[in-house]
Amino acid sequence: MSADAGPSWLVPAGADWILMLHVQPGAKTTAVQGRHGDALKIRLAAPPVDGKANAELLRFLADALQLPRSLVEIVAGQASRQKRVRVASGLSRNAVISALWDDQRLGPLG
């Protein structure tokens, strides 16, 4: 990863961002776990039934990014652990990374 490119799980899409995620539903707490290949791994404190895990994922991301829920949507992987989520905002790459990646807990990004 070059300094300009950013992490593999964060892809620019015009003025928006696409988050490449690997989710693990049914966890005790909702939190970013770290990297999973080229994706960001997020544990979800919701079961994978009736859309509960997807709803928890979108709630968590909107809260972490301090955005209205309407600006965060799953664009691929509704029924999969591998998901692509669009963040429709003017947030900078660094703002997205800072909101989701905790160096103190997860270690260096690169």
PDB file of N, CA and C in Angstrom:
ATOM      1  N   MET A   1       0.845  -1.177   0.000  1.00  0.00           N
ATOM      2  CA  MET A   1       0.000   0.000   0.000  1.00  0.00           C
ATOM      3  C   MET A   1       0.886   1.235   0.000  1.00  0.00           C
ATOM      4  N   SER A   2       0.687   2.106  -0.972  1.00  0.00           N
ATOM      5  CA  SER A   2       1.442   3.356  -0.968  1.00  0.00           C
ATOM      6  C   SER A   2       0.729   4.367  -0.084  1.00  0.00           C
ATOM      7  N   ALA A   3       1.442   5.373   0.344  1.00  0.00           N
ATOM      8  CA  ALA A   3       0.867   6.388   1.223  1.00  0.00           C
ATOM      9  C   ALA A   3      -0.296   7.096   0.547  1.00  0.00           C
ATOM     10  N   ASP A   4      -0.232   7.257  -0.793  1.00  0.00           N
ATOM     11  CA  ASP A   4      -1.292   7.943  -1.521  1.00  0.00           C
ATOM     12  C   ASP A   4      -2.512   7.054  -1.737  1.00  0.00           C
ATOM     13  N   ALA A   5      -2.301   5.758  -1.879  1.00  0.00           N
ATOM     14  CA  ALA A   5      -3.390   4.852  -2.229  1.00  0.00           C
ATOM     15  C   ALA A   5      -4.331   4.601  -1.062  1.00  0.00           C
ATOM     16  N   GLY A   6      -3.833   4.576   0.146  1.00  0.00           N
ATOM     17  CA  GLY A   6      -4.677   4.262   1.294  1.00  0.00           C
ATOM     18  C   GLY A   6      -4.849   2.754   1.420  1.00  0.00           C
ATOM     19  N   PRO A   7      -5.652   2.341   2.403  1.00  0.00           N
ATOM     20  CA  PRO A   7      -5.833   0.915   2.632  1.00  0.00           C
ATOM     21  C   PRO A   7      -6.684   0.282   1.529  1.00  0.00           C
ATOM     22  N   SER A   8      -6.480  -1.015   1.305  1.00  0.00           N
ATOM     23  CA  SER A   8      -7.192  -1.729   0.240  1.00  0.00           C
ATOM     24  C   SER A   8      -8.692  -1.800   0.482  1.00  0.00           C
ATOM     25  N   TRP A   9      -9.126  -1.647   1.723  1.00  0.00           N
ATOM     26  CA  TRP A   9     -10.552  -1.739   2.031  1.00  0.00           C
ATOM     27  C   TRP A   9     -11.310  -0.438   1.812  1.00  0.00           C
ATOM     28  N   LEU A  10     -10.609   0.613   1.411  1.00  0.00           N
ATOM     29  CA  LEU A  10     -11.222   1.926   1.200  1.00  0.00           C
ATOM     30  C   LEU A  10     -10.987   2.360  -0.242  1.00  0.00           C
ATOM     31  N   VAL A  11     -12.058   2.362  -1.040  1.00  0.00           N
ATOM     32  CA  VAL A  11     -11.948   2.624  -2.471  1.00  0.00           C
ATOM     33  C   VAL A  11     -12.724   3.889  -2.825  1.00  0.00           C
ATOM     34  N   PRO A  12     -12.079   4.862  -3.497  1.00  0.00           N
ATOM     35  CA  PRO A  12     -12.816   6.061  -3.897  1.00  0.00           C
ATOM     36  C   PRO A  12     -13.833   5.738  -4.989  1.00  0.00           C
ATOM     37  N   ALA A  13     -14.976   6.412  -4.939  1.00  0.00           N
ATOM     38  CA  ALA A  13     -16.025   6.272  -5.949  1.00  0.00           C
ATOM     39  C   ALA A  13     -16.613   7.652  -6.192  1.00  0.00           C
ATOM     40  N   GLY A  14     -15.910   8.451  -6.976  1.00  0.00           N
ATOM     41  CA  GLY A  14     -16.310   9.839  -7.170  1.00  0.00           C
ATOM     42  C   GLY A  14     -16.108  10.590  -5.868  1.00  0.00           C
ATOM     43  N   ALA A  15     -17.156  11.255  -5.385  1.00  0.00           N
ATOM     44  CA  ALA A  15     -17.083  11.973  -4.106  1.00  0.00           C
ATOM     45  C   ALA A  15     -17.383  11.048  -2.930  1.00  0.00           C
ATOM     46  N   ASP A  16     -17.757   9.795  -3.223  1.00  0.00           N
ATOM     47  CA  ASP A  16     -18.118   8.818  -2.193  1.00  0.00           C
ATOM     48  C   ASP A  16     -16.956   7.865  -1.934  1.00  0.00           C
ATOM     49  N   TRP A  17     -17.167   6.988  -0.969  1.00  0.00           N
ATOM     50  CA  TRP A  17     -16.202   5.929  -0.649  1.00  0.00           C
ATOM     51  C   TRP A  17     -16.921   4.596  -0.668  1.00  0.00           C
ATOM     52  N   ILE A  18     -16.225   3.552  -1.112  1.00  0.00           N
ATOM     53  CA  ILE A  18     -16.717   2.184  -1.008  1.00  0.00           C
ATOM     54  C   ILE A  18     -15.844   1.483   0.029  1.00  0.00           C
ATOM     55  N   LEU A  19     -16.501   0.930   1.052  1.00  0.00           N
ATOM     56  CA  LEU A  19     -15.804   0.153   2.073  1.00  0.00           C
ATOM     57  C   LEU A  19     -15.927  -1.317   1.708  1.00  0.00           C
ATOM     58  N   MET A  20     -14.804  -2.000   1.606  1.00  0.00           N
ATOM     59  CA  MET A  20     -14.775  -3.440   1.357  1.00  0.00           C
ATOM     60  C   MET A  20     -14.723  -4.104   2.729  1.00  0.00           C
ATOM     61  N   LEU A  21     -15.788  -4.819   3.090  1.00  0.00           N
ATOM     62  CA  LEU A  21     -15.925  -5.338   4.441  1.00  0.00           C
ATOM     63  C   LEU A  21     -16.095  -6.840   4.476  1.00  0.00           C
ATOM     64  N   HIS A  22     -15.601  -7.434   5.548  1.00  0.00           N
ATOM     65  CA  HIS A  22     -15.887  -8.822   5.914  1.00  0.00           C
ATOM     66  C   HIS A  22     -16.562  -8.732   7.278  1.00  0.00           C
ATOM     67  N   VAL A  23     -17.814  -9.187   7.361  1.00  0.00           N
ATOM     68  CA  VAL A  23     -18.546  -9.060   8.614  1.00  0.00           C
ATOM     69  C   VAL A  23     -18.711 -10.407   9.296  1.00  0.00           C
ATOM     70  N   GLN A  24     -18.742 -10.353  10.611  1.00  0.00           N
ATOM     71  CA  GLN A  24     -18.937 -11.545  11.435  1.00  0.00           C
ATOM     72  C   GLN A  24     -20.124 -11.274  12.354  1.00  0.00           C
ATOM     73  N   PRO A  25     -21.325 -11.718  11.964  1.00  0.00           N
ATOM     74  CA  PRO A  25     -22.496 -11.505  12.820  1.00  0.00           C
ATOM     75  C   PRO A  25     -22.472 -12.426  14.031  1.00  0.00           C
ATOM     76  N   GLY A  26     -23.269 -12.083  15.021  1.00  0.00           N
ATOM     77  CA  GLY A  26     -23.400 -12.924  16.209  1.00  0.00           C
ATOM     78  C   GLY A  26     -22.302 -12.733  17.243  1.00  0.00           C
ATOM     79  N   ALA A  27     -21.532 -11.669  17.142  1.00  0.00           N
ATOM     80  CA  ALA A  27     -20.462 -11.410  18.116  1.00  0.00           C
ATOM     81  C   ALA A  27     -21.058 -10.790  19.384  1.00  0.00           C
ATOM     82  N   LYS A  28     -20.274 -10.742  20.450  1.00  0.00           N
ATOM     83  CA  LYS A  28     -20.741 -10.136  21.701  1.00  0.00           C
ATOM     84  C   LYS A  28     -20.891  -8.636  21.574  1.00  0.00           C
ATOM     85  N   THR A  29     -19.975  -7.997  20.851  1.00  0.00           N
ATOM     86  CA  THR A  29     -20.023  -6.546  20.676  1.00  0.00           C
ATOM     87  C   THR A  29     -19.766  -6.205  19.211  1.00  0.00           C
ATOM     88  N   THR A  30     -20.237  -5.049  18.806  1.00  0.00           N
ATOM     89  CA  THR A  30     -19.975  -4.562  17.458  1.00  0.00           C
ATOM     90  C   THR A  30     -18.705  -3.723  17.494  1.00  0.00           C
ATOM     91  N   ALA A  31     -17.738  -4.093  16.654  1.00  0.00           N
ATOM     92  CA  ALA A  31     -16.458  -3.383  16.633  1.00  0.00           C
ATOM     93  C   ALA A  31     -15.673  -3.766  15.396  1.00  0.00           C
ATOM     94  N   VAL A  32     -14.758  -2.882  15.008  1.00  0.00           N
ATOM     95  CA  VAL A  32     -13.800  -3.220  13.961  1.00  0.00           C
ATOM     96  C   VAL A  32     -12.803  -4.196  14.568  1.00  0.00           C
ATOM     97  N   GLN A  33     -12.584  -5.307  13.890  1.00  0.00           N
ATOM     98  CA  GLN A  33     -11.687  -6.351  14.378  1.00  0.00           C
ATOM     99  C   GLN A  33     -10.277  -6.198  13.812  1.00  0.00           C
ATOM    100  N   GLY A  34     -10.157  -5.642  12.616  1.00  0.00           N
ATOM    101  CA  GLY A  34      -8.858  -5.522  11.963  1.00  0.00           C
ATOM    102  C   GLY A  34      -9.021  -5.774  10.482  1.00  0.00           C
ATOM    103  N   ARG A  35      -7.974  -6.280   9.859  1.00  0.00           N
ATOM    104  CA  ARG A  35      -8.044  -6.593   8.428  1.00  0.00           C
ATOM    105  C   ARG A  35      -8.339  -8.062   8.232  1.00  0.00           C
ATOM    106  N   HIS A  36      -8.993  -8.352   7.113  1.00  0.00           N
ATOM    107  CA  HIS A  36      -9.280  -9.717   6.692  1.00  0.00           C
ATOM    108  C   HIS A  36      -8.992  -9.749   5.198  1.00  0.00           C
ATOM    109  N   GLY A  37      -7.751 -10.099   4.842  1.00  0.00           N
ATOM    110  CA  GLY A  37      -7.331  -9.993   3.448  1.00  0.00           C
ATOM    111  C   GLY A  37      -7.321  -8.531   3.036  1.00  0.00           C
ATOM    112  N   ASP A  38      -8.031  -8.220   1.962  1.00  0.00           N
ATOM    113  CA  ASP A  38      -8.122  -6.844   1.488  1.00  0.00           C
ATOM    114  C   ASP A  38      -9.315  -6.107   2.082  1.00  0.00           C
ATOM    115  N   ALA A  39     -10.030  -6.744   2.983  1.00  0.00           N
ATOM    116  CA  ALA A  39     -11.238  -6.153   3.564  1.00  0.00           C
ATOM    117  C   ALA A  39     -10.993  -5.725   5.016  1.00  0.00           C
ATOM    118  N   LEU A  40     -11.879  -4.873   5.496  1.00  0.00           N
ATOM    119  CA  LEU A  40     -11.903  -4.490   6.898  1.00  0.00           C
ATOM    120  C   LEU A  40     -12.888  -5.426   7.595  1.00  0.00           C
ATOM    121  N   LYS A  41     -12.456  -6.092   8.655  1.00  0.00           N
ATOM    122  CA  LYS A  41     -13.326  -7.035   9.361  1.00  0.00           C
ATOM    123  C   LYS A  41     -14.066  -6.326  10.487  1.00  0.00           C
ATOM    124  N   ILE A  42     -15.392  -6.508  10.496  1.00  0.00           N
ATOM    125  CA  ILE A  42     -16.226  -5.906  11.530  1.00  0.00           C
ATOM    126  C   ILE A  42     -17.073  -6.998  12.171  1.00  0.00           C
ATOM    127  N   ARG A  43     -16.966  -7.096  13.497  1.00  0.00           N
ATOM    128  CA  ARG A  43     -17.819  -8.017  14.264  1.00  0.00           C
ATOM    129  C   ARG A  43     -19.127  -7.289  14.565  1.00  0.00           C
ATOM    130  N   LEU A  44     -20.234  -8.015  14.461  1.00  0.00           N
ATOM    131  CA  LEU A  44     -21.549  -7.412  14.672  1.00  0.00           C
ATOM    132  C   LEU A  44     -22.296  -8.104  15.803  1.00  0.00           C
ATOM    133  N   ALA A  45     -22.808  -7.320  16.721  1.00  0.00           N
ATOM    134  CA  ALA A  45     -23.593  -7.850  17.845  1.00  0.00           C
ATOM    135  C   ALA A  45     -25.053  -7.963  17.419  1.00  0.00           C
ATOM    136  N   ALA A  46     -25.271  -8.725  16.363  1.00  0.00           N
ATOM    137  CA  ALA A  46     -26.619  -8.974  15.858  1.00  0.00           C
ATOM    138  C   ALA A  46     -26.581 -10.285  15.082  1.00  0.00           C
ATOM    139  N   PRO A  47     -27.667 -11.039  15.122  1.00  0.00           N
ATOM    140  CA  PRO A  47     -27.696 -12.300  14.381  1.00  0.00           C
ATOM    141  C   PRO A  47     -27.935 -12.053  12.892  1.00  0.00           C
ATOM    142  N   PRO A  48     -27.509 -12.995  12.045  1.00  0.00           N
ATOM    143  CA  PRO A  48     -27.689 -12.838  10.601  1.00  0.00           C
ATOM    144  C   PRO A  48     -29.085 -13.287  10.145  1.00  0.00           C
ATOM    145  N   VAL A  49     -30.114 -12.783  10.797  1.00  0.00           N
ATOM    146  CA  VAL A  49     -31.495 -13.134  10.426  1.00  0.00           C
ATOM    147  C   VAL A  49     -32.336 -11.868  10.296  1.00  0.00           C
ATOM    148  N   ASP A  50     -33.270 -11.900   9.380  1.00  0.00           N
ATOM    149  CA  ASP A  50     -34.233 -10.808   9.202  1.00  0.00           C
ATOM    150  C   ASP A  50     -33.576  -9.448   9.010  1.00  0.00           C
ATOM    151  N   GLY A  51     -32.381  -9.414   8.425  1.00  0.00           N
ATOM    152  CA  GLY A  51     -31.712  -8.150   8.156  1.00  0.00           C
ATOM    153  C   GLY A  51     -31.116  -7.464   9.376  1.00  0.00           C
ATOM    154  N   LYS A  52     -31.121  -8.152  10.522  1.00  0.00           N
ATOM    155  CA  LYS A  52     -30.630  -7.525  11.758  1.00  0.00           C
ATOM    156  C   LYS A  52     -29.137  -7.206  11.693  1.00  0.00           C
ATOM    157  N   ALA A  53     -28.334  -8.107  11.138  1.00  0.00           N
ATOM    158  CA  ALA A  53     -26.894  -7.856  11.053  1.00  0.00           C
ATOM    159  C   ALA A  53     -26.610  -6.689  10.100  1.00  0.00           C
ATOM    160  N   ASN A  54     -27.303  -6.639   8.968  1.00  0.00           N
ATOM    161  CA  ASN A  54     -27.106  -5.527   8.033  1.00  0.00           C
ATOM    162  C   ASN A  54     -27.504  -4.201   8.673  1.00  0.00           C
ATOM    163  N   ALA A  55     -28.611  -4.185   9.392  1.00  0.00           N
ATOM    164  CA  ALA A  55     -29.052  -2.961  10.064  1.00  0.00           C
ATOM    165  C   ALA A  55     -28.029  -2.517  11.109  1.00  0.00           C
ATOM    166  N   GLU A  56     -27.481  -3.472  11.846  1.00  0.00           N
ATOM    167  CA  GLU A  56     -26.465  -3.145  12.860  1.00  0.00           C
ATOM    168  C   GLU A  56     -25.199  -2.617  12.193  1.00  0.00           C
ATOM    169  N   LEU A  57     -24.805  -3.208  11.071  1.00  0.00           N
ATOM    170  CA  LEU A  57     -23.627  -2.742  10.347  1.00  0.00           C
ATOM    171  C   LEU A  57     -23.802  -1.283   9.916  1.00  0.00           C
ATOM    172  N   LEU A  58     -24.939  -0.972   9.319  1.00  0.00           N
ATOM    173  CA  LEU A  58     -25.181   0.389   8.845  1.00  0.00           C
ATOM    174  C   LEU A  58     -25.271   1.381  10.001  1.00  0.00           C
ATOM    175  N   ARG A  59     -25.885   0.980  11.104  1.00  0.00           N
ATOM    176  CA  ARG A  59     -25.959   1.832  12.292  1.00  0.00           C
ATOM    177  C   ARG A  59     -24.553   2.120  12.814  1.00  0.00           C
ATOM    178  N   PHE A  60     -23.751   1.060  12.937  1.00  0.00           N
ATOM    179  CA  PHE A  60     -22.394   1.196  13.458  1.00  0.00           C
ATOM    180  C   PHE A  60     -21.548   2.125  12.585  1.00  0.00           C
ATOM    181  N   LEU A  61     -21.593   1.923  11.274  1.00  0.00           N
ATOM    182  CA  LEU A  61     -20.792   2.747  10.374  1.00  0.00           C
ATOM    183  C   LEU A  61     -21.248   4.207  10.406  1.00  0.00           C
ATOM    184  N   ALA A  62     -22.550   4.442  10.365  1.00  0.00           N
ATOM    185  CA  ALA A  62     -23.060   5.817  10.414  1.00  0.00           C
ATOM    186  C   ALA A  62     -22.641   6.499  11.713  1.00  0.00           C
ATOM    187  N   ASP A  63     -22.749   5.790  12.831  1.00  0.00           N
ATOM    188  CA  ASP A  63     -22.330   6.364  14.119  1.00  0.00           C
ATOM    189  C   ASP A  63     -20.833   6.653  14.140  1.00  0.00           C
ATOM    190  N   ALA A  64     -20.026   5.688  13.691  1.00  0.00           N
ATOM    191  CA  ALA A  64     -18.567   5.853  13.714  1.00  0.00           C
ATOM    192  C   ALA A  64     -18.132   7.017  12.828  1.00  0.00           C
ATOM    193  N   LEU A  65     -18.794   7.178  11.681  1.00  0.00           N
ATOM    194  CA  LEU A  65     -18.436   8.233  10.741  1.00  0.00           C
ATOM    195  C   LEU A  65     -19.162   9.547  11.029  1.00  0.00           C
ATOM    196  N   GLN A  66     -20.047   9.517  12.036  1.00  0.00           N
ATOM    197  CA  GLN A  66     -20.841  10.681  12.427  1.00  0.00           C
ATOM    198  C   GLN A  66     -21.624  11.241  11.241  1.00  0.00           C
ATOM    199  N   LEU A  67     -22.338  10.313  10.573  1.00  0.00           N
ATOM    200  CA  LEU A  67     -23.141  10.647   9.404  1.00  0.00           C
ATOM    201  C   LEU A  67     -24.582  10.204   9.628  1.00  0.00           C
ATOM    202  N   PRO A  68     -25.521  10.833   8.916  1.00  0.00           N
ATOM    203  CA  PRO A  68     -26.888  10.308   8.938  1.00  0.00           C
ATOM    204  C   PRO A  68     -26.909   8.916   8.320  1.00  0.00           C
ATOM    205  N   ARG A  69     -27.733   8.060   8.834  1.00  0.00           N
ATOM    206  CA  ARG A  69     -27.842   6.680   8.351  1.00  0.00           C
ATOM    207  C   ARG A  69     -28.145   6.649   6.848  1.00  0.00           C
ATOM    208  N   SER A  70     -28.841   7.638   6.337  1.00  0.00           N
ATOM    209  CA  SER A  70     -29.220   7.671   4.921  1.00  0.00           C
ATOM    210  C   SER A  70     -28.021   7.803   3.972  1.00  0.00           C
ATOM    211  N   LEU A  71     -26.855   8.172   4.491  1.00  0.00           N
ATOM    212  CA  LEU A  71     -25.663   8.331   3.653  1.00  0.00           C
ATOM    213  C   LEU A  71     -24.798   7.073   3.595  1.00  0.00           C
ATOM    214  N   VAL A  72     -25.251   5.994   4.240  1.00  0.00           N
ATOM    215  CA  VAL A  72     -24.494   4.743   4.277  1.00  0.00           C
ATOM    216  C   VAL A  72     -25.401   3.634   3.763  1.00  0.00           C
ATOM    217  N   GLU A  73     -24.969   2.931   2.699  1.00  0.00           N
ATOM    218  CA  GLU A  73     -25.817   1.870   2.150  1.00  0.00           C
ATOM    219  C   GLU A  73     -24.990   0.686   1.667  1.00  0.00           C
ATOM    220  N   ILE A  74     -25.548  -0.498   1.823  1.00  0.00           N
ATOM    221  CA  ILE A  74     -24.913  -1.711   1.310  1.00  0.00           C
ATOM    222  C   ILE A  74     -25.214  -1.775  -0.180  1.00  0.00           C
ATOM    223  N   VAL A  75     -24.163  -1.830  -1.008  1.00  0.00           N
ATOM    224  CA  VAL A  75     -24.355  -1.876  -2.456  1.00  0.00           C
ATOM    225  C   VAL A  75     -24.093  -3.261  -3.028  1.00  0.00           C
ATOM    226  N   ALA A  76     -23.472  -4.140  -2.255  1.00  0.00           N
ATOM    227  CA  ALA A  76     -23.241  -5.518  -2.695  1.00  0.00           C
ATOM    228  C   ALA A  76     -23.032  -6.399  -1.472  1.00  0.00           C
ATOM    229  N   GLY A  77     -23.564  -7.623  -1.533  1.00  0.00           N
ATOM    230  CA  GLY A  77     -23.346  -8.586  -0.462  1.00  0.00           C
ATOM    231  C   GLY A  77     -24.403  -8.582   0.619  1.00  0.00           C
ATOM    232  N   GLN A  78     -25.632  -8.224   0.290  1.00  0.00           N
ATOM    233  CA  GLN A  78     -26.712  -8.195   1.282  1.00  0.00           C
ATOM    234  C   GLN A  78     -26.774  -9.477   2.116  1.00  0.00           C
ATOM    235  N   ALA A  79     -26.596 -10.629   1.484  1.00  0.00           N
ATOM    236  CA  ALA A  79     -26.724 -11.910   2.180  1.00  0.00           C
ATOM    237  C   ALA A  79     -25.377 -12.612   2.349  1.00  0.00           C
ATOM    238  N   SER A  80     -24.300 -11.864   2.270  1.00  0.00           N
ATOM    239  CA  SER A  80     -22.955 -12.431   2.335  1.00  0.00           C
ATOM    240  C   SER A  80     -22.154 -11.800   3.460  1.00  0.00           C
ATOM    241  N   ARG A  81     -21.106 -12.483   3.867  1.00  0.00           N
ATOM    242  CA  ARG A  81     -20.177 -11.879   4.834  1.00  0.00           C
ATOM    243  C   ARG A  81     -19.296 -10.838   4.163  1.00  0.00           C
ATOM    244  N   GLN A  82     -19.093 -10.991   2.854  1.00  0.00           N
ATOM    245  CA  GLN A  82     -18.314 -10.021   2.082  1.00  0.00           C
ATOM    246  C   GLN A  82     -19.280  -8.948   1.583  1.00  0.00           C
ATOM    247  N   LYS A  83     -19.066  -7.716   1.990  1.00  0.00           N
ATOM    248  CA  LYS A  83     -19.978  -6.632   1.636  1.00  0.00           C
ATOM    249  C   LYS A  83     -19.212  -5.445   1.097  1.00  0.00           C
ATOM    250  N   ARG A  84     -19.897  -4.701   0.243  1.00  0.00           N
ATOM    251  CA  ARG A  84     -19.405  -3.400  -0.198  1.00  0.00           C
ATOM    252  C   ARG A  84     -20.424  -2.381   0.272  1.00  0.00           C
ATOM    253  N   VAL A  85     -19.944  -1.379   0.988  1.00  0.00           N
ATOM    254  CA  VAL A  85     -20.814  -0.349   1.542  1.00  0.00           C
ATOM    255  C   VAL A  85     -20.388   0.999   0.992  1.00  0.00           C
ATOM    256  N   ARG A  86     -21.349   1.738   0.437  1.00  0.00           N
ATOM    257  CA  ARG A  86     -21.089   3.084  -0.066  1.00  0.00           C
ATOM    258  C   ARG A  86     -21.333   4.093   1.046  1.00  0.00           C
ATOM    259  N   VAL A  87     -20.342   4.975   1.219  1.00  0.00           N
ATOM    260  CA  VAL A  87     -20.465   6.092   2.153  1.00  0.00           C
ATOM    261  C   VAL A  87     -20.543   7.343   1.289  1.00  0.00           C
ATOM    262  N   ALA A  88     -21.744   7.926   1.217  1.00  0.00           N
ATOM    263  CA  ALA A  88     -21.987   9.085   0.358  1.00  0.00           C
ATOM    264  C   ALA A  88     -21.798  10.357   1.178  1.00  0.00           C
ATOM    265  N   SER A  89     -20.589  10.826   1.207  1.00  0.00           N
ATOM    266  CA  SER A  89     -20.304  12.042   1.970  1.00  0.00           C
ATOM    267  C   SER A  89     -19.065  12.704   1.412  1.00  0.00           C
ATOM    268  N   GLY A  90     -18.803  13.870   1.868  1.00  0.00           N
ATOM    269  CA  GLY A  90     -17.600  14.576   1.466  1.00  0.00           C
ATOM    270  C   GLY A  90     -16.434  14.325   2.404  1.00  0.00           C
ATOM    271  N   LEU A  91     -16.503  13.250   3.185  1.00  0.00           N
ATOM    272  CA  LEU A  91     -15.418  12.965   4.128  1.00  0.00           C
ATOM    273  C   LEU A  91     -14.117  12.690   3.384  1.00  0.00           C
ATOM    274  N   SER A  92     -13.028  13.129   3.950  1.00  0.00           N
ATOM    275  CA  SER A  92     -11.719  12.847   3.371  1.00  0.00           C
ATOM    276  C   SER A  92     -11.332  11.397   3.668  1.00  0.00           C
ATOM    277  N   ARG A  93     -10.366  10.897   2.921  1.00  0.00           N
ATOM    278  CA  ARG A  93      -9.840   9.543   3.153  1.00  0.00           C
ATOM    279  C   ARG A  93      -9.355   9.416   4.597  1.00  0.00           C
ATOM    280  N   ASN A  94      -8.629  10.431   5.072  1.00  0.00           N
ATOM    281  CA  ASN A  94      -8.102  10.376   6.431  1.00  0.00           C
ATOM    282  C   ASN A  94      -9.212  10.369   7.479  1.00  0.00           C
ATOM    283  N   ALA A  95     -10.301  11.098   7.218  1.00  0.00           N
ATOM    284  CA  ALA A  95     -11.418  11.123   8.166  1.00  0.00           C
ATOM    285  C   ALA A  95     -12.073   9.751   8.270  1.00  0.00           C
ATOM    286  N   VAL A  96     -12.231   9.066   7.133  1.00  0.00           N
ATOM    287  CA  VAL A  96     -12.830   7.726   7.144  1.00  0.00           C
ATOM    288  C   VAL A  96     -11.910   6.755   7.877  1.00  0.00           C
ATOM    289  N   ILE A  97     -10.642   6.799   7.553  1.00  0.00           N
ATOM    290  CA  ILE A  97      -9.681   5.899   8.208  1.00  0.00           C
ATOM    291  C   ILE A  97      -9.640   6.161   9.710  1.00  0.00           C
ATOM    292  N   SER A  98      -9.559   7.413  10.106  1.00  0.00           N
ATOM    293  CA  SER A  98      -9.492   7.754  11.527  1.00  0.00           C
ATOM    294  C   SER A  98     -10.727   7.291  12.290  1.00  0.00           C
ATOM    295  N   ALA A  99     -11.883   7.367  11.643  1.00  0.00           N
ATOM    296  CA  ALA A  99     -13.126   6.967  12.300  1.00  0.00           C
ATOM    297  C   ALA A  99     -13.226   5.457  12.488  1.00  0.00           C
ATOM    298  N   LEU A 100     -12.599   4.688  11.597  1.00  0.00           N
ATOM    299  CA  LEU A 100     -12.768   3.236  11.632  1.00  0.00           C
ATOM    300  C   LEU A 100     -11.540   2.464  12.114  1.00  0.00           C
ATOM    301  N   TRP A 101     -10.368   3.051  12.031  1.00  0.00           N
ATOM    302  CA  TRP A 101      -9.143   2.324  12.375  1.00  0.00           C
ATOM    303  C   TRP A 101      -8.506   2.933  13.618  1.00  0.00           C
ATOM    304  N   ASP A 102      -8.430   2.172  14.679  1.00  0.00           N
ATOM    305  CA  ASP A 102      -7.844   2.614  15.941  1.00  0.00           C
ATOM    306  C   ASP A 102      -6.426   2.068  16.048  1.00  0.00           C
ATOM    307  N   ASP A 103      -5.433   2.924  15.781  1.00  0.00           N
ATOM    308  CA  ASP A 103      -4.032   2.487  15.821  1.00  0.00           C
ATOM    309  C   ASP A 103      -3.656   1.902  17.178  1.00  0.00           C
ATOM    310  N   GLN A 104      -4.217   2.457  18.246  1.00  0.00           N
ATOM    311  CA  GLN A 104      -3.874   1.995  19.585  1.00  0.00           C
ATOM    312  C   GLN A 104      -4.317   0.538  19.809  1.00  0.00           C
ATOM    313  N   ARG A 105      -5.456   0.190  19.253  1.00  0.00           N
ATOM    314  CA  ARG A 105      -6.010  -1.147  19.481  1.00  0.00           C
ATOM    315  C   ARG A 105      -5.670  -2.114  18.344  1.00  0.00           C
ATOM    316  N   LEU A 106      -5.652  -1.617  17.088  1.00  0.00           N
ATOM    317  CA  LEU A 106      -5.485  -2.489  15.929  1.00  0.00           C
ATOM    318  C   LEU A 106      -4.078  -2.498  15.359  1.00  0.00           C
ATOM    319  N   GLY A 107      -3.247  -1.567  15.808  1.00  0.00           N
ATOM    320  CA  GLY A 107      -1.886  -1.494  15.292  1.00  0.00           C
ATOM    321  C   GLY A 107      -1.816  -0.625  14.043  1.00  0.00           C
ATOM    322  N   PRO A 108      -0.651  -0.561  13.421  1.00  0.00           N
ATOM    323  CA  PRO A 108      -0.473   0.270  12.227  1.00  0.00           C
ATOM    324  C   PRO A 108      -1.378  -0.216  11.096  1.00  0.00           C
ATOM    325  N   LEU A 109      -1.809   0.716  10.280  1.00  0.00           N
ATOM    326  CA  LEU A 109      -2.712   0.401   9.181  1.00  0.00           C
ATOM    327  C   LEU A 109      -2.020  -0.384   8.096  1.00  0.00           C
ATOM    328  N   GLY A 110      -0.780  -0.057   7.784  1.00  0.00           N
ATOM    329  CA  GLY A 110      -0.082  -0.664   6.658  1.00  0.00           C
ATOM    330  C   GLY A 110       0.456  -2.004   6.874  1.00  0.00           C
TER     331      GLY A 110
END
